[in-house]
């Protein structure tokens, strides 16, 4: 069994499987992270993804094609390229310092998307180093966006409260409202 990490966390908030299924992760409130590089046979505790801030709260995670990891939560965005051994805080670059980020995804070419409160939609094509605000491209919705997805050809989907559904076929530069709400 994976067991309980130091600090006694027993509720896990998010999980992700890499494209080749050998890299897995799960995470909790207080930014505890566990990584497996052998398909879940064994697990290793990793550095808190928020850069060590124990008060951070995980809400979403994704693993990309080159085993890059994206983790998001209350007011932060972090990335790792070494199986979670070290993390780079991307909060400022992602414009997330005052926003609860709920979900994220990494596409087949390494493109990233993060979504959150008040219509927060950001994309990155350089491993999280820089982020582009896509809120206005989606019509500046003020609703909460909860989960994004990126398809095999880079198409994007973002869903949120009040039945909001947005799609993009150009990396998030333009979005189409596919909502069922009136």
C-alpha atoms as a PDB file:
ATOM      1  CA  UNK A   1       0.000   0.000   0.000  1.00  0.00           C
ATOM      2  CA  UNK A   2       1.087   3.556  -0.619  1.00  0.00           C
ATOM      3  CA  UNK A   3       0.692   4.490   3.044  1.00  0.00           C
ATOM      4  CA  UNK A   4       0.445   7.851   4.712  1.00  0.00           C
ATOM      5  CA  UNK A   5       3.114  10.542   4.202  1.00  0.00           C
ATOM      6  CA  UNK A   6       4.601  12.526   7.026  1.00  0.00           C
ATOM      7  CA  UNK A   7       1.989  14.930   8.351  1.00  0.00           C
ATOM      8  CA  UNK A   8      -0.744  12.285   8.425  1.00  0.00           C
ATOM      9  CA  UNK A   9      -2.480  13.231   5.158  1.00  0.00           C
ATOM     10  CA  UNK A  10      -4.989  10.555   4.217  1.00  0.00           C
ATOM     11  CA  UNK A  11      -7.208  12.414   1.723  1.00  0.00           C
ATOM     12  CA  UNK A  12      -5.774  12.733  -1.759  1.00  0.00           C
ATOM     13  CA  UNK A  13      -7.150  15.500  -3.992  1.00  0.00           C
ATOM     14  CA  UNK A  14      -5.745  14.876  -7.475  1.00  0.00           C
ATOM     15  CA  UNK A  15      -3.914  12.278  -9.506  1.00  0.00           C
ATOM     16  CA  UNK A  16      -2.340  11.897 -12.935  1.00  0.00           C
ATOM     17  CA  UNK A  17      -0.911   9.201 -15.186  1.00  0.00           C
ATOM     18  CA  UNK A  18       1.742   9.974 -17.784  1.00  0.00           C
ATOM     19  CA  UNK A  19       1.191   9.016 -21.429  1.00  0.00           C
ATOM     20  CA  UNK A  20       3.415   5.930 -21.165  1.00  0.00           C
ATOM     21  CA  UNK A  21       1.725   4.850 -17.872  1.00  0.00           C
ATOM     22  CA  UNK A  22       5.029   4.385 -16.039  1.00  0.00           C
ATOM     23  CA  UNK A  23       4.969   7.784 -14.288  1.00  0.00           C
ATOM     24  CA  UNK A  24       2.119   8.291 -11.841  1.00  0.00           C
ATOM     25  CA  UNK A  25       1.466  10.893  -9.185  1.00  0.00           C
ATOM     26  CA  UNK A  26      -1.085  11.734  -6.565  1.00  0.00           C
ATOM     27  CA  UNK A  27      -1.265  14.715  -4.289  1.00  0.00           C
ATOM     28  CA  UNK A  28      -3.180  16.181  -1.388  1.00  0.00           C
ATOM     29  CA  UNK A  29      -4.002  19.254   0.555  1.00  0.00           C
ATOM     30  CA  UNK A  30      -0.837  20.823   1.962  1.00  0.00           C
ATOM     31  CA  UNK A  31       1.000  20.017  -1.292  1.00  0.00           C
ATOM     32  CA  UNK A  32       2.124  16.499  -0.399  1.00  0.00           C
ATOM     33  CA  UNK A  33       3.138  14.657  -3.545  1.00  0.00           C
ATOM     34  CA  UNK A  34       3.841  10.992  -4.195  1.00  0.00           C
ATOM     35  CA  UNK A  35       5.436   9.758  -7.418  1.00  0.00           C
ATOM     36  CA  UNK A  36       5.767   6.283  -8.895  1.00  0.00           C
ATOM     37  CA  UNK A  37       8.069   5.529 -11.809  1.00  0.00           C
ATOM     38  CA  UNK A  38       7.200   1.819 -11.965  1.00  0.00           C
ATOM     39  CA  UNK A  39       3.467   1.875 -12.650  1.00  0.00           C
ATOM     40  CA  UNK A  40       2.447   2.163  -8.993  1.00  0.00           C
ATOM     41  CA  UNK A  41       4.426  -0.736  -7.549  1.00  0.00           C
ATOM     42  CA  UNK A  42       6.356   1.653  -5.301  1.00  0.00           C
ATOM     43  CA  UNK A  43       5.884   5.297  -4.317  1.00  0.00           C
ATOM     44  CA  UNK A  44       8.268   8.069  -3.250  1.00  0.00           C
ATOM     45  CA  UNK A  45       7.378  11.178  -1.234  1.00  0.00           C
ATOM     46  CA  UNK A  46       8.442  14.297  -3.125  1.00  0.00           C
ATOM     47  CA  UNK A  47       9.041  17.950  -2.319  1.00  0.00           C
ATOM     48  CA  UNK A  48       5.901  20.001  -1.845  1.00  0.00           C
ATOM     49  CA  UNK A  49       4.976  21.225  -5.309  1.00  0.00           C
ATOM     50  CA  UNK A  50       4.308  24.722  -4.049  1.00  0.00           C
ATOM     51  CA  UNK A  51       7.986  25.138  -3.257  1.00  0.00           C
ATOM     52  CA  UNK A  52       7.598  24.002   0.326  1.00  0.00           C
ATOM     53  CA  UNK A  53       4.654  26.161   1.400  1.00  0.00           C
ATOM     54  CA  UNK A  54       2.698  23.750   3.589  1.00  0.00           C
ATOM     55  CA  UNK A  55      -0.474  25.838   3.391  1.00  0.00           C
ATOM     56  CA  UNK A  56      -0.964  25.277  -0.348  1.00  0.00           C
ATOM     57  CA  UNK A  57      -3.852  23.132  -1.485  1.00  0.00           C
ATOM     58  CA  UNK A  58      -3.659  20.855  -4.505  1.00  0.00           C
ATOM     59  CA  UNK A  59      -6.583  20.928  -6.896  1.00  0.00           C
ATOM     60  CA  UNK A  60      -5.245  19.659 -10.234  1.00  0.00           C
ATOM     61  CA  UNK A  61      -2.303  17.844 -11.770  1.00  0.00           C
ATOM     62  CA  UNK A  62      -1.158  16.591 -15.166  1.00  0.00           C
ATOM     63  CA  UNK A  63       1.778  14.662 -16.617  1.00  0.00           C
ATOM     64  CA  UNK A  64       2.946  15.411 -20.152  1.00  0.00           C
ATOM     65  CA  UNK A  65       4.575  13.373 -22.923  1.00  0.00           C
ATOM     66  CA  UNK A  66       8.122  14.024 -21.665  1.00  0.00           C
ATOM     67  CA  UNK A  67       7.091  13.299 -18.057  1.00  0.00           C
ATOM     68  CA  UNK A  68       6.881  17.005 -17.250  1.00  0.00           C
ATOM     69  CA  UNK A  69       4.478  17.582 -14.356  1.00  0.00           C
ATOM     70  CA  UNK A  70       2.065  20.495 -13.896  1.00  0.00           C
ATOM     71  CA  UNK A  71       0.436  21.021 -10.492  1.00  0.00           C
ATOM     72  CA  UNK A  72      -2.084  23.731  -9.604  1.00  0.00           C
ATOM     73  CA  UNK A  73      -4.022  24.825  -6.548  1.00  0.00           C
ATOM     74  CA  UNK A  74      -4.915  27.762  -4.348  1.00  0.00           C
ATOM     75  CA  UNK A  75      -3.009  30.712  -5.804  1.00  0.00           C
ATOM     76  CA  UNK A  76      -0.155  28.765  -7.407  1.00  0.00           C
ATOM     77  CA  UNK A  77       1.106  26.935 -10.467  1.00  0.00           C
ATOM     78  CA  UNK A  78       4.198  24.686 -10.297  1.00  0.00           C
ATOM     79  CA  UNK A  79       6.113  22.502 -12.751  1.00  0.00           C
ATOM     80  CA  UNK A  80       8.659  19.700 -12.461  1.00  0.00           C
ATOM     81  CA  UNK A  81      10.818  18.032 -15.102  1.00  0.00           C
ATOM     82  CA  UNK A  82      12.584  15.513 -12.839  1.00  0.00           C
ATOM     83  CA  UNK A  83       9.786  13.261 -11.576  1.00  0.00           C
ATOM     84  CA  UNK A  84       8.847  15.695  -8.833  1.00  0.00           C
ATOM     85  CA  UNK A  85      12.250  15.834  -7.126  1.00  0.00           C
ATOM     86  CA  UNK A  86      12.340  19.616  -7.620  1.00  0.00           C
ATOM     87  CA  UNK A  87       9.642  22.122  -8.541  1.00  0.00           C
ATOM     88  CA  UNK A  88       9.623  25.549 -10.187  1.00  0.00           C
ATOM     89  CA  UNK A  89       7.015  27.978  -8.908  1.00  0.00           C
ATOM     90  CA  UNK A  90       5.251  29.457 -11.964  1.00  0.00           C
ATOM     91  CA  UNK A  91       2.634  31.438 -10.016  1.00  0.00           C
ATOM     92  CA  UNK A  92       3.769  34.911 -11.083  1.00  0.00           C
ATOM     93  CA  UNK A  93       4.330  33.906 -14.723  1.00  0.00           C
ATOM     94  CA  UNK A  94       0.863  32.329 -14.787  1.00  0.00           C
ATOM     95  CA  UNK A  95      -0.820  35.354 -13.197  1.00  0.00           C
ATOM     96  CA  UNK A  96      -2.222  33.112 -10.476  1.00  0.00           C
ATOM     97  CA  UNK A  97      -1.221  34.953  -7.301  1.00  0.00           C
ATOM     98  CA  UNK A  98      -4.797  35.968  -6.487  1.00  0.00           C
ATOM     99  CA  UNK A  99      -6.753  33.169  -8.165  1.00  0.00           C
ATOM    100  CA  UNK A 100      -7.814  29.700  -7.112  1.00  0.00           C
ATOM    101  CA  UNK A 101      -6.708  27.361  -9.894  1.00  0.00           C
ATOM    102  CA  UNK A 102      -8.896  24.260 -10.156  1.00  0.00           C
ATOM    103  CA  UNK A 103      -7.619  22.220 -13.077  1.00  0.00           C
ATOM    104  CA  UNK A 104      -4.871  21.753 -15.618  1.00  0.00           C
ATOM    105  CA  UNK A 105      -3.852  19.620 -18.574  1.00  0.00           C
ATOM    106  CA  UNK A 106      -0.795  18.955 -20.721  1.00  0.00           C
ATOM    107  CA  UNK A 107      -1.220  18.151 -24.401  1.00  0.00           C
ATOM    108  CA  UNK A 108       0.662  15.733 -26.650  1.00  0.00           C
ATOM    109  CA  UNK A 109       3.163  18.406 -27.719  1.00  0.00           C
ATOM    110  CA  UNK A 110       3.733  19.656 -24.157  1.00  0.00           C
ATOM    111  CA  UNK A 111       1.299  22.576 -24.376  1.00  0.00           C
ATOM    112  CA  UNK A 112      -0.299  23.423 -21.020  1.00  0.00           C
ATOM    113  CA  UNK A 113      -3.604  24.901 -19.894  1.00  0.00           C
ATOM    114  CA  UNK A 114      -4.729  25.935 -16.419  1.00  0.00           C
ATOM    115  CA  UNK A 115      -8.248  27.075 -15.464  1.00  0.00           C
ATOM    116  CA  UNK A 116      -9.787  28.516 -12.316  1.00  0.00           C
ATOM    117  CA  UNK A 117     -12.001  31.026 -10.568  1.00  0.00           C
ATOM    118  CA  UNK A 118     -13.461  34.116 -12.255  1.00  0.00           C
ATOM    119  CA  UNK A 119     -12.958  32.731 -15.759  1.00  0.00           C
ATOM    120  CA  UNK A 120      -9.197  32.172 -15.346  1.00  0.00           C
ATOM    121  CA  UNK A 121      -7.848  30.508 -18.498  1.00  0.00           C
ATOM    122  CA  UNK A 122      -4.092  30.524 -19.215  1.00  0.00           C
ATOM    123  CA  UNK A 123      -1.985  28.582 -21.730  1.00  0.00           C
ATOM    124  CA  UNK A 124       1.737  27.903 -22.017  1.00  0.00           C
ATOM    125  CA  UNK A 125       3.784  26.418 -24.845  1.00  0.00           C
ATOM    126  CA  UNK A 126       7.207  26.549 -23.156  1.00  0.00           C
ATOM    127  CA  UNK A 127       6.881  24.222 -20.177  1.00  0.00           C
ATOM    128  CA  UNK A 128       5.206  26.818 -17.990  1.00  0.00           C
ATOM    129  CA  UNK A 129       7.878  29.504 -18.308  1.00  0.00           C
ATOM    130  CA  UNK A 130       5.452  32.003 -19.827  1.00  0.00           C
ATOM    131  CA  UNK A 131       1.654  31.996 -19.814  1.00  0.00           C
ATOM    132  CA  UNK A 132      -0.883  33.760 -22.040  1.00  0.00           C
ATOM    133  CA  UNK A 133      -4.154  35.060 -20.581  1.00  0.00           C
ATOM    134  CA  UNK A 134      -6.946  33.498 -22.652  1.00  0.00           C
ATOM    135  CA  UNK A 135      -9.866  34.817 -20.580  1.00  0.00           C
ATOM    136  CA  UNK A 136     -10.758  37.556 -23.075  1.00  0.00           C
ATOM    137  CA  UNK A 137     -10.445  35.095 -25.983  1.00  0.00           C
ATOM    138  CA  UNK A 138     -13.218  33.103 -24.300  1.00  0.00           C
ATOM    139  CA  UNK A 139     -15.413  36.186 -23.992  1.00  0.00           C
ATOM    140  CA  UNK A 140     -14.201  37.057 -20.469  1.00  0.00           C
ATOM    141  CA  UNK A 141     -16.513  34.679 -18.604  1.00  0.00           C
ATOM    142  CA  UNK A 142     -16.672  35.442 -14.908  1.00  0.00           C
ATOM    143  CA  UNK A 143     -17.743  31.897 -14.067  1.00  0.00           C
ATOM    144  CA  UNK A 144     -15.520  29.356 -12.409  1.00  0.00           C
ATOM    145  CA  UNK A 145     -13.713  27.072 -14.839  1.00  0.00           C
ATOM    146  CA  UNK A 146     -13.056  23.683 -13.245  1.00  0.00           C
ATOM    147  CA  UNK A 147     -11.387  21.326 -15.684  1.00  0.00           C
ATOM    148  CA  UNK A 148      -9.594  21.580 -19.041  1.00  0.00           C
ATOM    149  CA  UNK A 149      -8.524  18.905 -21.510  1.00  0.00           C
ATOM    150  CA  UNK A 150      -6.227  18.864 -24.539  1.00  0.00           C
ATOM    151  CA  UNK A 151      -6.885  16.441 -27.396  1.00  0.00           C
ATOM    152  CA  UNK A 152      -4.433  14.562 -29.611  1.00  0.00           C
ATOM    153  CA  UNK A 153      -4.311  17.376 -32.194  1.00  0.00           C
ATOM    154  CA  UNK A 154      -4.029  20.167 -29.615  1.00  0.00           C
ATOM    155  CA  UNK A 155      -7.732  21.003 -29.482  1.00  0.00           C
ATOM    156  CA  UNK A 156      -8.768  22.347 -26.073  1.00  0.00           C
ATOM    157  CA  UNK A 157     -11.867  21.985 -23.940  1.00  0.00           C
ATOM    158  CA  UNK A 158     -12.628  23.881 -20.727  1.00  0.00           C
ATOM    159  CA  UNK A 159     -15.701  23.311 -18.557  1.00  0.00           C
ATOM    160  CA  UNK A 160     -17.052  25.326 -15.668  1.00  0.00           C
ATOM    161  CA  UNK A 161     -19.962  26.307 -13.476  1.00  0.00           C
ATOM    162  CA  UNK A 162     -23.454  26.997 -14.802  1.00  0.00           C
ATOM    163  CA  UNK A 163     -22.970  24.450 -17.612  1.00  0.00           C
ATOM    164  CA  UNK A 164     -20.284  26.530 -19.359  1.00  0.00           C
ATOM    165  CA  UNK A 165     -18.326  24.647 -22.008  1.00  0.00           C
ATOM    166  CA  UNK A 166     -15.680  26.249 -24.225  1.00  0.00           C
ATOM    167  CA  UNK A 167     -13.678  24.723 -27.089  1.00  0.00           C
ATOM    168  CA  UNK A 168     -10.618  25.958 -28.958  1.00  0.00           C
ATOM    169  CA  UNK A 169      -8.896  24.579 -32.042  1.00  0.00           C
ATOM    170  CA  UNK A 170      -5.992  27.048 -32.104  1.00  0.00           C
ATOM    171  CA  UNK A 171      -4.159  26.703 -28.790  1.00  0.00           C
ATOM    172  CA  UNK A 172      -6.605  28.902 -26.912  1.00  0.00           C
ATOM    173  CA  UNK A 173      -6.204  31.995 -29.092  1.00  0.00           C
ATOM    174  CA  UNK A 174      -9.964  31.869 -29.788  1.00  0.00           C
ATOM    175  CA  UNK A 175     -12.719  30.003 -27.949  1.00  0.00           C
ATOM    176  CA  UNK A 176     -16.219  28.970 -28.932  1.00  0.00           C
ATOM    177  CA  UNK A 177     -18.922  28.966 -26.277  1.00  0.00           C
ATOM    178  CA  UNK A 178     -20.610  25.546 -26.449  1.00  0.00           C
ATOM    179  CA  UNK A 179     -22.595  26.068 -23.263  1.00  0.00           C
ATOM    180  CA  UNK A 180     -25.967  24.504 -22.703  1.00  0.00           C
ATOM    181  CA  UNK A 181     -26.969  27.318 -20.348  1.00  0.00           C
ATOM    182  CA  UNK A 182     -29.002  30.224 -21.690  1.00  0.00           C
END
